[in-house]
Amino acid sequence: MHKDGQTMTPSLFDVRANDLSSEGVPVIRPWKRIALDPDYAGAWIVAGDVDGDGQVEIVSAKNFDADDVHYTSSVIVHRLDGSVLWRWGDPAGGRNTLHHDVACQIHDWDGDGRNEVVVATKDAVVELDGATGREKHRFPIPPDSADCIVFANLSGGDRASEVLVKTRYGQIWAFTRDGELLWTIEEPAGYGTAHQPRPMDIDGDGRDEIMAGYAMLNPDGTSRWDLAVGKLSIEPGHLDCVRVFEMGKTPRDSRLALTLCTGYCVAMIDGDGGPVWSVTGHHFESIDVGKVCADVPGKQVVVDIDHREVGYSPLWVLDDRGNLLGQIITDGSRHHMLVDWFGGGLDSIVMGTAAAMFDGHGQKVGVFDVPAAEIGRCAKGDMTGDGRVDLVFWADPASEVCIFANKMGAKPNAPLPLGTGTNFTLY
């Protein structure tokens, strides 16, 4: 773990979660528990108002996987009372576990004000009516290109009306809703694709650029810049995660936080791909951005370190200059997020497998009442309709979804859509 050639040690806290007592720590009880249909339950969970009743529904998808080639095989939608809204597909052809995103998202694709559920099967993108599960339309996609689905605004319209699909690491395709191929790219900048290509309007022209891997693409699929030209010290591999740390008036003023697989690197770059700082030495994976430490200027980067021995799974907190502020070691830190749970504008760190919440001093400040799980996954979004960011927990394999209502957290400045949002990712 090095920055500028120097070994890093945490400056604020270094804790092992298992050594922290839970005595006196508040136990957070679920607002809703939804038991999933055991035949259709899948470990990919997204949520949104799919039937227009003003409440979220839970969308659970199974996936077929063989040698890292996978696609969505079945979907089930549950209401908050546990009843089934609809089922689609063949559950016998999929599995209730995953090690990757699944091509199943919620999005108002046709712009009629009602959400659809959109999946990628073995050979097609399929748009399902959110209220009934009825197939609205489909179009063919190339073989092995159902690794994930990402919606983007490539045309400059009033919504994200284009869709990206991809193979696991090699190629990305961009289509219109009607299935017209707009462009495709193989191994951006000569490297693997991102796990989830990230749309962002980096230049403010009303169209999304795509962080496709180690390259930023223009809306037409041409390369805008890449990290392979003297930007960062990278090795063959792929982009694990990218988050917008700050969107400035110009690309040069913007900041992106990212993790590079096989480069063993977490880094900050500007919107033109220029390096700001980098930290090397571990397989960094997923990033959260928020205000965790009250006494540290600016926002912080929270990132997990994957592929470590069982029982030693670190989560790091870095400042906006890449300095290591804190480390929390749990049995499994892979799935995490930030949420203002107590108000006052400070984010707490939520850990899925640990089923616990930590503050910016590394102290345990909440324990979630969920069944113990070897792999615990979590998501966030407005699940109650009150405008606050709530939490969703489930295990892998999935049998139950637990929703935790946020009672005290500050509401975001911009209104939240119901549910986990479009382009949900576990990366």
Protein backbone atom coordinates (compact mmCIF):
# COMPACT_ATOMS: atom_id res chain seq x y z
CA MET A 1 0.00 0.00 0.00
CA HIS A 2 1.96 2.91 -1.34
CA LYS A 3 1.37 6.52 -2.36
CA ASP A 4 4.24 8.41 -3.94
CA GLY A 5 6.50 5.53 -2.98
CA GLN A 6 5.64 5.83 0.72
CA THR A 7 4.08 3.12 2.89
CA MET A 8 0.67 4.23 4.17
CA THR A 9 -0.73 3.89 7.68
CA PRO A 10 -4.16 5.12 8.77
CA SER A 11 -4.07 8.53 10.45
CA LEU A 12 -7.47 8.46 12.21
CA PHE A 13 -8.53 4.87 12.93
CA ASP A 14 -7.59 1.24 12.33
CA VAL A 15 -10.15 -1.22 13.69
CA ARG A 16 -11.25 -4.82 13.40
CA ALA A 17 -15.02 -5.00 13.39
CA ASN A 18 -15.05 -8.32 15.25
CA ASP A 19 -13.16 -6.69 18.13
CA LEU A 20 -15.75 -3.94 18.52
CA SER A 21 -18.42 -4.59 21.12
CA SER A 22 -22.06 -4.36 20.08
CA GLU A 23 -23.13 -3.62 23.65
CA GLY A 24 -25.13 -0.43 23.68
CA VAL A 25 -25.08 -0.19 19.88
CA PRO A 26 -28.57 0.43 18.49
CA VAL A 27 -30.18 -2.54 16.74
CA ILE A 28 -31.93 -1.33 13.59
CA ARG A 29 -35.11 -3.29 12.84
CA PRO A 30 -36.53 -3.79 9.35
CA TRP A 31 -39.43 -1.67 8.18
CA LYS A 32 -40.42 -4.49 5.83
CA ARG A 33 -39.41 -8.12 5.38
CA ILE A 34 -40.34 -9.63 2.03
CA ALA A 35 -40.03 -13.39 1.61
CA LEU A 36 -39.07 -14.27 -1.97
CA ASP A 37 -40.70 -17.02 -4.00
CA PRO A 38 -38.20 -19.89 -3.53
CA ASP A 39 -38.58 -21.10 -7.12
CA TYR A 40 -37.89 -17.72 -8.72
CA ALA A 41 -35.72 -15.97 -6.11
CA GLY A 42 -32.45 -14.63 -7.46
CA ALA A 43 -29.57 -12.85 -5.76
CA TRP A 44 -29.85 -9.85 -8.11
CA ILE A 45 -32.20 -7.38 -6.43
CA VAL A 46 -33.37 -4.00 -7.73
CA ALA A 47 -36.36 -1.96 -6.61
CA GLY A 48 -38.68 0.63 -8.10
CA ASP A 49 -42.31 1.56 -8.66
CA VAL A 50 -43.04 -0.69 -11.63
CA ASP A 51 -46.86 -0.70 -11.50
CA GLY A 52 -47.48 3.00 -10.89
CA ASP A 53 -49.12 2.62 -7.48
CA GLY A 54 -46.70 4.98 -5.74
CA GLN A 55 -44.93 2.20 -3.83
CA VAL A 56 -41.75 0.32 -4.63
CA GLU A 57 -41.75 -3.27 -5.77
CA ILE A 58 -38.87 -5.73 -5.34
CA VAL A 59 -37.49 -7.16 -8.58
CA SER A 60 -35.45 -10.34 -8.18
CA ALA A 61 -33.63 -11.98 -11.10
CA LYS A 62 -31.92 -15.30 -11.65
CA ASN A 63 -29.04 -15.68 -14.08
CA PHE A 64 -27.52 -18.47 -16.12
CA ASP A 65 -23.73 -18.63 -15.91
CA ALA A 66 -21.14 -20.82 -17.62
CA ASP A 67 -17.47 -19.89 -17.64
CA ASP A 68 -18.26 -16.20 -17.02
CA VAL A 69 -20.78 -16.04 -19.87
CA HIS A 70 -24.16 -15.26 -18.36
CA TYR A 71 -27.59 -13.85 -19.03
CA THR A 72 -30.89 -13.21 -17.24
CA SER A 73 -33.06 -16.33 -17.12
CA SER A 74 -36.05 -15.34 -14.97
CA VAL A 75 -37.56 -12.43 -13.05
CA ILE A 76 -40.08 -12.18 -10.24
CA VAL A 77 -41.64 -8.99 -8.85
CA HIS A 78 -42.92 -8.82 -5.26
CA ARG A 79 -45.05 -6.11 -3.70
CA LEU A 80 -44.11 -4.81 -0.26
CA ASP A 81 -46.72 -7.08 1.33
CA GLY A 82 -44.91 -10.09 -0.15
CA SER A 83 -47.49 -10.90 -2.79
CA VAL A 84 -46.31 -11.61 -6.32
CA LEU A 85 -47.06 -9.02 -9.01
CA TRP A 86 -45.75 -11.14 -11.89
CA ARG A 87 -43.23 -13.75 -12.98
CA TRP A 88 -41.27 -14.05 -16.22
CA GLY A 89 -38.88 -16.59 -17.72
CA ASP A 90 -37.71 -20.05 -16.76
CA PRO A 91 -36.36 -20.29 -13.20
CA ALA A 92 -35.00 -23.77 -13.85
CA GLY A 93 -32.41 -22.30 -16.19
CA GLY A 94 -30.79 -19.97 -13.68
CA ARG A 95 -29.07 -19.77 -10.32
CA ASN A 96 -29.76 -17.94 -7.08
CA THR A 97 -26.23 -16.65 -6.59
CA LEU A 98 -23.84 -14.40 -8.47
CA HIS A 99 -20.35 -12.95 -8.63
CA HIS A 100 -21.21 -10.20 -11.11
CA ASP A 101 -23.96 -7.81 -12.10
CA VAL A 102 -27.04 -9.24 -13.81
CA ALA A 103 -28.61 -7.67 -16.90
CA CYS A 104 -31.88 -6.61 -15.29
CA GLN A 105 -32.73 -2.96 -14.66
CA ILE A 106 -35.75 -0.75 -13.98
CA HIS A 107 -36.16 2.23 -16.32
CA ASP A 108 -38.86 4.31 -18.01
CA TRP A 109 -37.39 3.49 -21.39
CA ASP A 110 -40.21 4.72 -23.62
CA GLY A 111 -40.77 7.94 -21.67
CA ASP A 112 -44.45 7.35 -20.92
CA GLY A 113 -44.03 7.97 -17.19
CA ARG A 114 -44.25 4.28 -16.26
CA ASN A 115 -41.27 2.07 -15.50
CA GLU A 116 -40.34 -1.01 -17.49
CA VAL A 117 -38.19 -3.94 -16.40
CA VAL A 118 -35.51 -4.50 -19.04
CA VAL A 119 -33.40 -7.65 -19.23
CA ALA A 120 -30.81 -9.17 -21.52
CA THR A 121 -31.36 -12.82 -22.33
CA LYS A 122 -29.02 -15.16 -24.17
CA ASP A 123 -29.68 -13.46 -27.50
CA ALA A 124 -31.94 -10.42 -27.01
CA VAL A 125 -32.73 -7.30 -25.04
CA VAL A 126 -36.30 -7.70 -23.76
CA GLU A 127 -38.49 -4.87 -22.48
CA LEU A 128 -41.18 -6.01 -20.03
CA ASP A 129 -44.20 -3.97 -18.98
CA GLY A 130 -43.60 -3.05 -15.36
CA ALA A 131 -47.18 -3.60 -14.23
CA THR A 132 -47.85 -6.96 -15.90
CA GLY A 133 -44.56 -8.50 -17.04
CA ARG A 134 -45.94 -8.63 -20.57
CA GLU A 135 -43.25 -8.44 -23.24
CA LYS A 136 -43.48 -5.06 -24.98
CA HIS A 137 -40.72 -5.66 -27.50
CA ARG A 138 -37.29 -7.18 -28.01
CA PHE A 139 -34.34 -6.94 -30.36
CA PRO A 140 -31.43 -9.31 -31.02
CA ILE A 141 -27.97 -8.81 -29.54
CA PRO A 142 -24.66 -10.56 -30.33
CA PRO A 143 -23.70 -13.80 -28.60
CA ASP A 144 -22.38 -13.57 -25.03
CA SER A 145 -23.24 -9.85 -24.75
CA ALA A 146 -25.60 -10.00 -21.76
CA ASP A 147 -23.03 -9.22 -19.07
CA CYS A 148 -24.99 -6.13 -17.99
CA ILE A 149 -27.43 -3.48 -19.22
CA VAL A 150 -26.65 0.25 -18.97
CA PHE A 151 -28.92 3.09 -20.07
CA ALA A 152 -27.33 6.27 -21.43
CA ASN A 153 -28.32 9.50 -23.13
CA LEU A 154 -26.18 9.37 -26.27
CA SER A 155 -28.55 11.40 -28.45
CA GLY A 156 -29.08 14.49 -26.27
CA GLY A 157 -32.78 13.88 -25.68
CA ASP A 158 -34.73 14.34 -22.48
CA ARG A 159 -33.86 10.93 -21.03
CA ALA A 160 -31.50 7.99 -21.26
CA SER A 161 -33.01 6.33 -24.33
CA GLU A 162 -30.01 4.30 -25.57
CA VAL A 163 -28.75 1.06 -24.08
CA LEU A 164 -25.32 -0.54 -23.75
CA VAL A 165 -24.67 -4.28 -23.57
CA LYS A 166 -21.32 -6.03 -23.36
CA THR A 167 -19.38 -9.24 -23.05
CA ARG A 168 -17.64 -9.89 -19.76
CA TYR A 169 -14.41 -8.10 -20.64
CA GLY A 170 -14.03 -7.73 -24.39
CA GLN A 171 -16.63 -5.66 -26.27
CA ILE A 172 -19.42 -3.08 -25.83
CA TRP A 173 -22.38 -2.35 -28.13
CA ALA A 174 -24.67 0.71 -28.09
CA PHE A 175 -28.24 0.35 -29.39
CA THR A 176 -31.31 2.54 -29.73
CA ARG A 177 -34.54 1.37 -28.12
CA ASP A 178 -35.59 0.06 -31.54
CA GLY A 179 -32.48 -2.12 -31.73
CA GLU A 180 -30.49 -0.01 -34.20
CA LEU A 181 -26.76 -0.51 -33.64
CA LEU A 182 -25.13 2.88 -33.04
CA TRP A 183 -21.57 1.71 -32.45
CA THR A 184 -19.41 -0.99 -30.94
CA ILE A 185 -15.90 -1.06 -29.52
CA GLU A 186 -13.55 -3.90 -28.67
CA GLU A 187 -11.09 -3.64 -25.75
CA PRO A 188 -11.12 0.15 -25.24
CA ALA A 189 -7.53 1.48 -25.41
CA GLY A 190 -6.35 -2.11 -25.77
CA TYR A 191 -7.62 -3.21 -22.35
CA GLY A 192 -10.66 -4.95 -20.94
CA THR A 193 -13.99 -3.22 -20.53
CA ALA A 194 -15.31 -1.83 -17.27
CA HIS A 195 -17.54 -4.17 -15.28
CA GLN A 196 -20.26 -1.57 -15.76
CA PRO A 197 -19.58 1.16 -18.35
CA ARG A 198 -20.37 4.47 -16.66
CA PRO A 199 -22.38 7.18 -18.48
CA MET A 200 -21.61 10.78 -17.50
CA ASP A 201 -21.98 14.11 -19.26
CA ILE A 202 -18.41 15.19 -18.64
CA ASP A 203 -18.48 18.21 -20.99
CA GLY A 204 -22.00 19.47 -20.25
CA ASP A 205 -23.34 19.23 -23.81
CA GLY A 206 -26.44 17.24 -22.81
CA ARG A 207 -25.09 13.91 -24.07
CA ASP A 208 -23.36 11.21 -22.06
CA GLU A 209 -19.77 10.23 -22.47
CA ILE A 210 -19.01 6.63 -21.47
CA MET A 211 -16.20 5.53 -19.18
CA ALA A 212 -15.85 2.20 -20.96
CA GLY A 213 -12.76 0.85 -19.24
CA TYR A 214 -9.37 2.52 -19.43
CA ALA A 215 -10.85 4.87 -22.05
CA MET A 216 -13.48 7.60 -22.03
CA LEU A 217 -15.70 7.39 -25.12
CA ASN A 218 -17.57 10.18 -26.86
CA PRO A 219 -21.33 9.67 -27.38
CA ASP A 220 -20.59 8.31 -30.87
CA GLY A 221 -18.28 5.62 -29.47
CA THR A 222 -14.99 7.20 -30.55
CA SER A 223 -12.24 7.52 -27.97
CA ARG A 224 -12.06 10.85 -26.15
CA TRP A 225 -8.97 9.92 -24.12
CA ASP A 226 -7.45 6.89 -22.47
CA LEU A 227 -5.31 6.07 -19.48
CA ALA A 228 -2.73 4.19 -21.52
CA VAL A 229 -0.99 7.29 -22.86
CA GLY A 230 1.25 8.32 -19.99
CA LYS A 231 -1.67 8.98 -17.66
CA LEU A 232 -1.36 6.26 -15.02
CA SER A 233 0.91 3.29 -14.54
CA ILE A 234 -1.44 0.54 -15.70
CA GLU A 235 -1.09 -3.11 -16.61
CA PRO A 236 -3.31 -5.38 -18.72
CA GLY A 237 -6.65 -5.72 -16.99
CA HIS A 238 -9.94 -3.90 -16.69
CA LEU A 239 -11.67 -1.08 -14.85
CA ASP A 240 -13.40 -2.36 -11.72
CA CYS A 241 -15.22 0.81 -10.70
CA VAL A 242 -15.50 4.53 -11.46
CA ARG A 243 -17.44 7.19 -9.54
CA VAL A 244 -17.88 10.90 -10.14
CA PHE A 245 -16.14 12.50 -7.16
CA GLU A 246 -16.91 16.03 -8.31
CA MET A 247 -18.41 17.45 -11.49
CA GLY A 248 -16.76 20.78 -12.34
CA LYS A 249 -17.54 23.52 -14.82
CA THR A 250 -15.09 21.96 -17.28
CA PRO A 251 -13.75 18.42 -17.67
CA ARG A 252 -10.39 19.55 -16.28
CA ASP A 253 -12.15 20.78 -13.14
CA SER A 254 -14.00 17.48 -12.65
CA ARG A 255 -12.70 14.58 -10.58
CA LEU A 256 -13.28 10.85 -11.09
CA ALA A 257 -12.33 8.16 -8.56
CA LEU A 258 -11.58 4.75 -10.04
CA THR A 259 -10.08 1.33 -9.37
CA LEU A 260 -7.90 -0.56 -11.84
CA CYS A 261 -7.84 -4.35 -11.75
CA THR A 262 -4.35 -5.91 -12.05
CA GLY A 263 -2.96 -2.40 -11.76
CA TYR A 264 -3.71 -2.86 -8.04
CA CYS A 265 -4.58 0.79 -7.93
CA VAL A 266 -7.16 3.27 -6.68
CA ALA A 267 -6.76 6.66 -8.28
CA MET A 268 -8.19 10.11 -8.81
CA ILE A 269 -8.13 11.62 -12.28
CA ASP A 270 -9.59 14.74 -13.83
CA GLY A 271 -12.27 14.71 -16.52
CA ASP A 272 -9.61 14.84 -19.23
CA GLY A 273 -7.94 11.69 -17.90
CA GLY A 274 -5.09 13.50 -16.19
CA PRO A 275 -3.75 11.88 -13.01
CA VAL A 276 -4.32 13.64 -9.70
CA TRP A 277 -3.11 10.90 -7.34
CA SER A 278 -2.91 7.12 -7.13
CA VAL A 279 -2.46 4.50 -4.42
CA THR A 280 -1.12 1.07 -5.36
CA GLY A 281 -0.53 -2.29 -3.76
CA HIS A 282 -3.95 -3.93 -3.38
CA HIS A 283 -6.85 -5.21 -5.47
CA PHE A 284 -9.16 -2.27 -4.81
CA GLU A 285 -12.71 -2.86 -6.01
CA SER A 286 -15.81 -0.69 -5.34
CA ILE A 287 -15.91 3.00 -4.43
CA ASP A 288 -18.30 5.19 -2.46
CA VAL A 289 -17.99 8.97 -2.36
CA GLY A 290 -19.32 11.07 0.52
CA LYS A 291 -18.67 13.03 3.68
CA VAL A 292 -17.65 10.52 6.35
CA CYS A 293 -15.10 12.33 8.54
CA ALA A 294 -16.38 15.57 10.07
CA ASP A 295 -12.97 17.09 10.80
CA VAL A 296 -11.42 16.34 7.40
CA PRO A 297 -11.90 18.95 4.66
CA GLY A 298 -13.81 17.93 1.56
CA LYS A 299 -15.34 14.59 0.69
CA GLN A 300 -13.83 11.15 1.18
CA VAL A 301 -13.32 8.03 -0.94
CA VAL A 302 -14.38 4.72 0.64
CA VAL A 303 -13.03 1.62 -1.13
CA ASP A 304 -12.85 -2.09 -0.33
CA ILE A 305 -9.88 -4.37 -0.94
CA ASP A 306 -10.94 -7.65 -2.54
CA HIS A 307 -9.31 -11.07 -2.94
CA ARG A 308 -7.99 -11.29 0.60
CA GLU A 309 -7.99 -14.22 2.98
CA VAL A 310 -11.22 -15.08 4.76
CA GLY A 311 -11.63 -12.97 7.89
CA TYR A 312 -9.33 -10.19 6.72
CA SER A 313 -11.30 -7.92 4.41
CA PRO A 314 -10.29 -4.25 4.66
CA LEU A 315 -12.33 -1.17 3.84
CA TRP A 316 -10.34 2.04 3.46
CA VAL A 317 -11.29 5.69 3.88
CA LEU A 318 -9.14 8.12 1.87
CA ASP A 319 -9.23 11.90 1.74
CA ASP A 320 -9.49 13.87 -1.50
CA ARG A 321 -5.69 13.79 -1.87
CA GLY A 322 -5.39 10.03 -1.48
CA ASN A 323 -4.17 10.01 2.12
CA LEU A 324 -5.29 7.02 4.19
CA LEU A 325 -7.57 8.19 7.01
CA GLY A 326 -8.97 4.93 8.31
CA GLN A 327 -9.32 1.19 7.92
CA ILE A 328 -12.11 -1.14 9.01
CA ILE A 329 -11.37 -4.87 8.77
CA THR A 330 -14.35 -7.24 8.63
CA ASP A 331 -15.01 -10.81 7.55
CA GLY A 332 -16.37 -9.44 4.27
CA SER A 333 -16.13 -5.80 3.19
CA ARG A 334 -16.98 -6.30 -0.46
CA HIS A 335 -20.48 -4.76 -0.39
CA HIS A 336 -20.83 -1.35 1.22
CA MET A 337 -22.37 2.08 0.79
CA LEU A 338 -22.68 5.48 2.43
CA VAL A 339 -25.87 6.98 3.83
CA ASP A 340 -26.76 9.93 6.05
CA TRP A 341 -28.62 7.94 8.71
CA PHE A 342 -28.50 10.30 11.68
CA GLY A 343 -28.88 13.71 10.05
CA GLY A 344 -26.42 16.57 10.15
CA GLY A 345 -24.93 15.90 6.74
CA LEU A 346 -22.46 13.16 7.73
CA ASP A 347 -22.47 9.80 5.99
CA SER A 348 -22.23 6.51 7.86
CA ILE A 349 -20.49 3.49 6.33
CA VAL A 350 -22.86 0.56 5.81
CA MET A 351 -21.41 -2.95 5.39
CA GLY A 352 -23.50 -5.73 3.84
CA THR A 353 -21.85 -8.89 5.17
CA ALA A 354 -21.05 -7.36 8.57
CA ALA A 355 -24.66 -6.07 8.70
CA ALA A 356 -23.39 -3.07 10.60
CA MET A 357 -22.92 0.68 10.33
CA PHE A 358 -19.74 2.60 11.21
CA ASP A 359 -18.94 6.27 11.65
CA GLY A 360 -15.96 8.36 10.55
CA HIS A 361 -14.01 7.30 13.65
CA GLY A 362 -14.35 3.59 12.89
CA GLN A 363 -16.89 3.08 15.68
CA LYS A 364 -19.86 0.76 15.27
CA VAL A 365 -23.01 2.91 15.44
CA GLY A 366 -25.68 0.48 14.29
CA VAL A 367 -26.37 -3.23 13.85
CA PHE A 368 -28.97 -4.39 11.33
CA ASP A 369 -31.43 -7.09 12.33
CA VAL A 370 -30.89 -9.48 9.43
CA PRO A 371 -30.13 -13.20 9.33
CA ALA A 372 -26.42 -13.97 9.45
CA ALA A 373 -25.04 -14.61 5.97
CA GLU A 374 -21.69 -15.59 4.53
CA ILE A 375 -22.31 -13.04 1.77
CA GLY A 376 -24.53 -10.07 2.57
CA ARG A 377 -25.51 -7.63 -0.15
CA CYS A 378 -27.03 -4.19 0.22
CA ALA A 379 -28.50 -1.35 -1.80
CA LYS A 380 -29.91 2.09 -1.07
CA GLY A 381 -32.65 4.37 -2.33
CA ASP A 382 -35.96 5.91 -1.34
CA MET A 383 -38.01 2.85 -0.46
CA THR A 384 -40.75 4.52 1.61
CA GLY A 385 -41.53 7.57 -0.51
CA ASP A 386 -40.51 10.16 2.10
CA GLY A 387 -37.50 11.40 0.14
CA ARG A 388 -34.82 9.92 2.42
CA VAL A 389 -32.26 7.30 1.45
CA ASP A 390 -33.29 3.95 2.91
CA LEU A 391 -31.39 0.64 2.96
CA VAL A 392 -32.06 -2.81 1.50
CA PHE A 393 -30.31 -5.99 2.67
CA TRP A 394 -30.39 -9.53 1.33
CA ALA A 395 -28.21 -12.62 1.43
CA ASP A 396 -26.60 -14.53 -1.43
CA PRO A 397 -28.34 -16.94 -2.08
CA ALA A 398 -31.44 -14.80 -1.60
CA SER A 399 -34.56 -15.85 0.28
CA GLU A 400 -35.68 -12.63 1.94
CA VAL A 401 -35.32 -8.88 1.39
CA CYS A 402 -35.14 -6.59 4.42
CA ILE A 403 -35.89 -2.88 4.03
CA PHE A 404 -34.70 -0.42 6.68
CA ALA A 405 -36.47 2.93 6.77
CA ASN A 406 -34.32 6.01 7.35
CA LYS A 407 -36.05 8.11 10.02
CA MET A 408 -33.50 10.87 10.71
CA GLY A 409 -31.20 11.28 7.74
CA ALA A 410 -31.12 14.52 5.79
CA LYS A 411 -33.01 14.49 2.52
CA PRO A 412 -30.89 15.01 -0.62
CA ASN A 413 -31.20 18.38 -2.35
CA ALA A 414 -32.59 16.79 -5.51
CA PRO A 415 -35.75 14.64 -5.32
CA LEU A 416 -35.10 10.90 -5.30
CA PRO A 417 -36.89 8.44 -7.56
CA LEU A 418 -38.53 5.56 -5.76
CA GLY A 419 -36.24 2.55 -5.53
CA THR A 420 -32.61 1.77 -6.26
CA GLY A 421 -32.46 3.81 -9.46
CA THR A 422 -31.46 3.11 -13.05
CA ASN A 423 -28.09 1.45 -13.73
CA PHE A 424 -27.79 -0.22 -10.34
CA THR A 425 -24.49 -2.05 -9.89
CA LEU A 426 -22.79 -4.14 -7.24
CA TYR A 427 -19.48 -2.72 -8.45
